[in-house]
């Protein structure tokens, strides 16, 4: 509100989600570029009711070169998967440039997918996993061949499952 209360002194603020493609579309793009992607989520359900602590969820989406070990974000810094996707897209060119080999005789990886890559929407599945580990960063890492599920516990990161797809990895965990 600006100034004294009155009919002409109200300030309205509109908060809306950024216009970005769904996370599954970003996954298809990144995997088609022969890169890896790690999506991290923390469910802050245990903080409900204590307004001094973070509420809701925290997300992160990080793109890296293939072969690099996944590093679940600690802590993820975005409140929605859309804002994490927008941040990732903003810096995607750096990941692409990092995929260019240092050796000039080595060929540059070129996207080669004869058929479109099919990826299930990771958001509901990752939320299901995060509900079982509230307050802890859970992550899914796609490397083009496998889907790995990771859990960060204090100073340690451990792999929970590896499967061809996220639904298969979550199913192997019995969730």
Protein backbone atom coordinates (compact mmCIF):
# COMPACT_ATOMS: atom_id res chain seq x y z
CA UNK A 1 0.00 0.00 0.00
CA UNK A 2 1.30 3.46 -0.85
CA UNK A 3 0.46 6.47 1.33
CA UNK A 4 -2.63 6.63 3.46
CA UNK A 5 -5.34 4.06 2.95
CA UNK A 6 -7.89 5.08 0.41
CA UNK A 7 -9.61 3.93 -2.76
CA UNK A 8 -6.84 5.24 -5.06
CA UNK A 9 -3.77 4.29 -3.07
CA UNK A 10 -3.54 0.53 -3.47
CA UNK A 11 -0.64 -1.23 -5.13
CA UNK A 12 -1.34 -4.64 -6.60
CA UNK A 13 1.46 -7.11 -7.26
CA UNK A 14 1.04 -10.09 -9.55
CA UNK A 15 3.26 -13.09 -8.91
CA UNK A 16 3.20 -15.70 -11.64
CA UNK A 17 5.33 -18.61 -12.68
CA UNK A 18 7.95 -17.96 -15.37
CA UNK A 19 7.14 -18.92 -18.95
CA UNK A 20 9.39 -21.94 -19.41
CA UNK A 21 8.98 -25.35 -21.00
CA UNK A 22 8.04 -28.28 -18.75
CA UNK A 23 10.95 -29.98 -17.01
CA UNK A 24 10.47 -33.11 -19.16
CA UNK A 25 11.06 -30.99 -22.29
CA UNK A 26 14.30 -29.62 -20.82
CA UNK A 27 15.39 -33.20 -20.08
CA UNK A 28 14.77 -34.22 -23.69
CA UNK A 29 16.77 -31.23 -24.95
CA UNK A 30 19.70 -31.82 -22.60
CA UNK A 31 19.89 -35.56 -23.31
CA UNK A 32 19.61 -34.86 -27.04
CA UNK A 33 22.66 -32.57 -26.71
CA UNK A 34 24.58 -35.47 -25.13
CA UNK A 35 24.76 -33.83 -21.73
CA UNK A 36 23.75 -35.03 -18.27
CA UNK A 37 21.24 -33.38 -15.93
CA UNK A 38 20.69 -33.60 -12.17
CA UNK A 39 17.41 -32.50 -10.58
CA UNK A 40 17.41 -31.98 -6.81
CA UNK A 41 14.41 -31.52 -4.52
CA UNK A 42 13.98 -30.95 -0.79
CA UNK A 43 10.52 -31.27 0.76
CA UNK A 44 10.31 -28.98 3.80
CA UNK A 45 7.13 -30.57 5.19
CA UNK A 46 8.67 -30.83 8.69
CA UNK A 47 8.97 -27.03 8.76
CA UNK A 48 5.21 -26.50 8.37
CA UNK A 49 3.90 -24.07 10.96
CA UNK A 50 7.32 -22.63 11.88
CA UNK A 51 7.57 -19.47 9.81
CA UNK A 52 11.22 -19.02 10.77
CA UNK A 53 12.11 -21.99 8.55
CA UNK A 54 11.85 -22.61 4.82
CA UNK A 55 8.38 -23.71 3.72
CA UNK A 56 7.23 -25.79 0.75
CA UNK A 57 9.86 -27.21 -1.61
CA UNK A 58 13.32 -26.28 -2.87
CA UNK A 59 14.41 -27.26 -6.41
CA UNK A 60 17.58 -27.23 -8.50
CA UNK A 61 18.33 -28.31 -12.07
CA UNK A 62 22.00 -28.62 -13.09
CA UNK A 63 23.38 -29.61 -16.49
CA UNK A 64 26.85 -31.15 -16.77
CA UNK A 65 29.03 -33.07 -19.19
CA UNK A 66 28.59 -36.83 -19.43
CA UNK A 67 30.82 -38.89 -17.17
CA UNK A 68 30.85 -36.40 -14.30
CA UNK A 69 29.58 -37.75 -10.98
CA UNK A 70 26.22 -36.34 -9.99
CA UNK A 71 26.28 -33.65 -7.33
CA UNK A 72 22.88 -33.12 -5.74
CA UNK A 73 22.50 -29.44 -4.88
CA UNK A 74 22.85 -28.65 -1.19
CA UNK A 75 20.73 -26.72 -0.71
CA UNK A 76 18.55 -26.28 -3.78
CA UNK A 77 17.59 -22.60 -4.07
CA UNK A 78 14.46 -22.36 -6.23
CA UNK A 79 10.93 -22.63 -4.86
CA UNK A 80 9.36 -24.25 -7.94
CA UNK A 81 10.46 -26.62 -10.69
CA UNK A 82 9.62 -23.85 -13.17
CA UNK A 83 12.00 -21.34 -11.59
CA UNK A 84 14.76 -23.99 -11.41
CA UNK A 85 14.16 -24.78 -15.10
CA UNK A 86 14.31 -21.09 -16.02
CA UNK A 87 17.62 -20.70 -14.16
CA UNK A 88 19.02 -23.80 -15.86
CA UNK A 89 18.03 -22.53 -19.31
CA UNK A 90 19.70 -19.20 -18.57
CA UNK A 91 23.06 -20.95 -18.15
CA UNK A 92 22.63 -23.84 -20.60
CA UNK A 93 25.09 -22.34 -23.09
CA UNK A 94 27.89 -22.70 -20.52
CA UNK A 95 27.20 -26.43 -20.19
CA UNK A 96 27.16 -26.78 -23.97
CA UNK A 97 30.49 -24.93 -24.26
CA UNK A 98 31.93 -27.15 -21.51
CA UNK A 99 31.13 -30.19 -23.65
CA UNK A 100 33.57 -29.10 -26.38
CA UNK A 101 36.72 -31.26 -26.14
CA UNK A 102 40.05 -29.64 -25.20
CA UNK A 103 41.87 -31.71 -27.83
CA UNK A 104 41.31 -30.15 -31.29
CA UNK A 105 41.67 -33.60 -32.92
CA UNK A 106 38.75 -35.00 -30.91
CA UNK A 107 35.37 -34.62 -32.63
CA UNK A 108 32.74 -32.36 -31.09
CA UNK A 109 29.76 -34.34 -29.75
CA UNK A 110 26.84 -33.77 -32.08
CA UNK A 111 23.23 -34.43 -31.11
CA UNK A 112 22.20 -37.66 -32.81
CA UNK A 113 18.83 -39.03 -31.89
CA UNK A 114 17.06 -40.86 -34.70
CA UNK A 115 13.87 -40.86 -32.65
CA UNK A 116 12.86 -38.32 -30.01
CA UNK A 117 13.98 -39.20 -26.51
CA UNK A 118 11.05 -40.19 -24.31
CA UNK A 119 11.27 -39.00 -20.71
CA UNK A 120 8.53 -39.23 -18.09
CA UNK A 121 7.71 -36.05 -16.18
CA UNK A 122 10.08 -36.28 -13.19
CA UNK A 123 8.20 -33.81 -10.97
CA UNK A 124 5.52 -36.09 -9.43
CA UNK A 125 7.93 -39.00 -9.03
CA UNK A 126 10.62 -36.87 -7.41
CA UNK A 127 8.00 -35.36 -5.08
CA UNK A 128 6.97 -38.88 -4.04
CA UNK A 129 10.59 -39.73 -3.25
CA UNK A 130 11.14 -36.46 -1.35
CA UNK A 131 8.08 -37.15 0.82
CA UNK A 132 9.88 -40.27 2.10
CA UNK A 133 13.00 -38.24 2.96
CA UNK A 134 11.67 -34.90 4.27
CA UNK A 135 14.30 -32.22 4.82
CA UNK A 136 16.95 -34.12 2.85
CA UNK A 137 17.99 -33.36 -0.73
CA UNK A 138 16.95 -36.16 -3.09
CA UNK A 139 18.16 -36.10 -6.67
CA UNK A 140 17.69 -37.84 -9.96
CA UNK A 141 20.58 -37.89 -12.43
CA UNK A 142 20.02 -38.62 -16.11
CA UNK A 143 23.11 -39.47 -18.16
CA UNK A 144 21.47 -40.59 -21.40
CA UNK A 145 21.75 -44.29 -20.57
CA UNK A 146 20.60 -44.64 -16.98
CA UNK A 147 18.61 -42.79 -14.38
CA UNK A 148 20.22 -42.69 -10.95
CA UNK A 149 18.49 -41.70 -7.71
CA UNK A 150 20.63 -40.09 -5.00
CA UNK A 151 20.13 -38.99 -1.40
CA UNK A 152 22.22 -36.42 0.46
CA UNK A 153 22.56 -37.19 4.18
CA UNK A 154 24.51 -34.55 6.10
CA UNK A 155 28.02 -34.75 4.62
CA UNK A 156 27.47 -37.93 2.61
CA UNK A 157 25.79 -38.61 -0.74
CA UNK A 158 24.59 -42.12 -1.45
CA UNK A 159 23.07 -43.74 -4.48
CA UNK A 160 19.67 -45.29 -3.83
CA UNK A 161 18.87 -46.85 -7.21
CA UNK A 162 19.86 -47.08 -10.87
CA UNK A 163 17.47 -48.01 -13.65
CA UNK A 164 16.79 -47.17 -17.31
CA UNK A 165 13.98 -44.76 -16.31
CA UNK A 166 12.87 -42.81 -13.26
CA UNK A 167 9.61 -44.80 -12.86
CA UNK A 168 11.67 -48.01 -12.82
CA UNK A 169 14.12 -46.56 -10.24
CA UNK A 170 11.29 -45.36 -7.98
CA UNK A 171 9.58 -48.75 -8.40
CA UNK A 172 12.80 -50.55 -7.41
CA UNK A 173 12.71 -48.54 -4.17
CA UNK A 174 9.18 -49.76 -3.52
CA UNK A 175 7.62 -46.30 -3.62
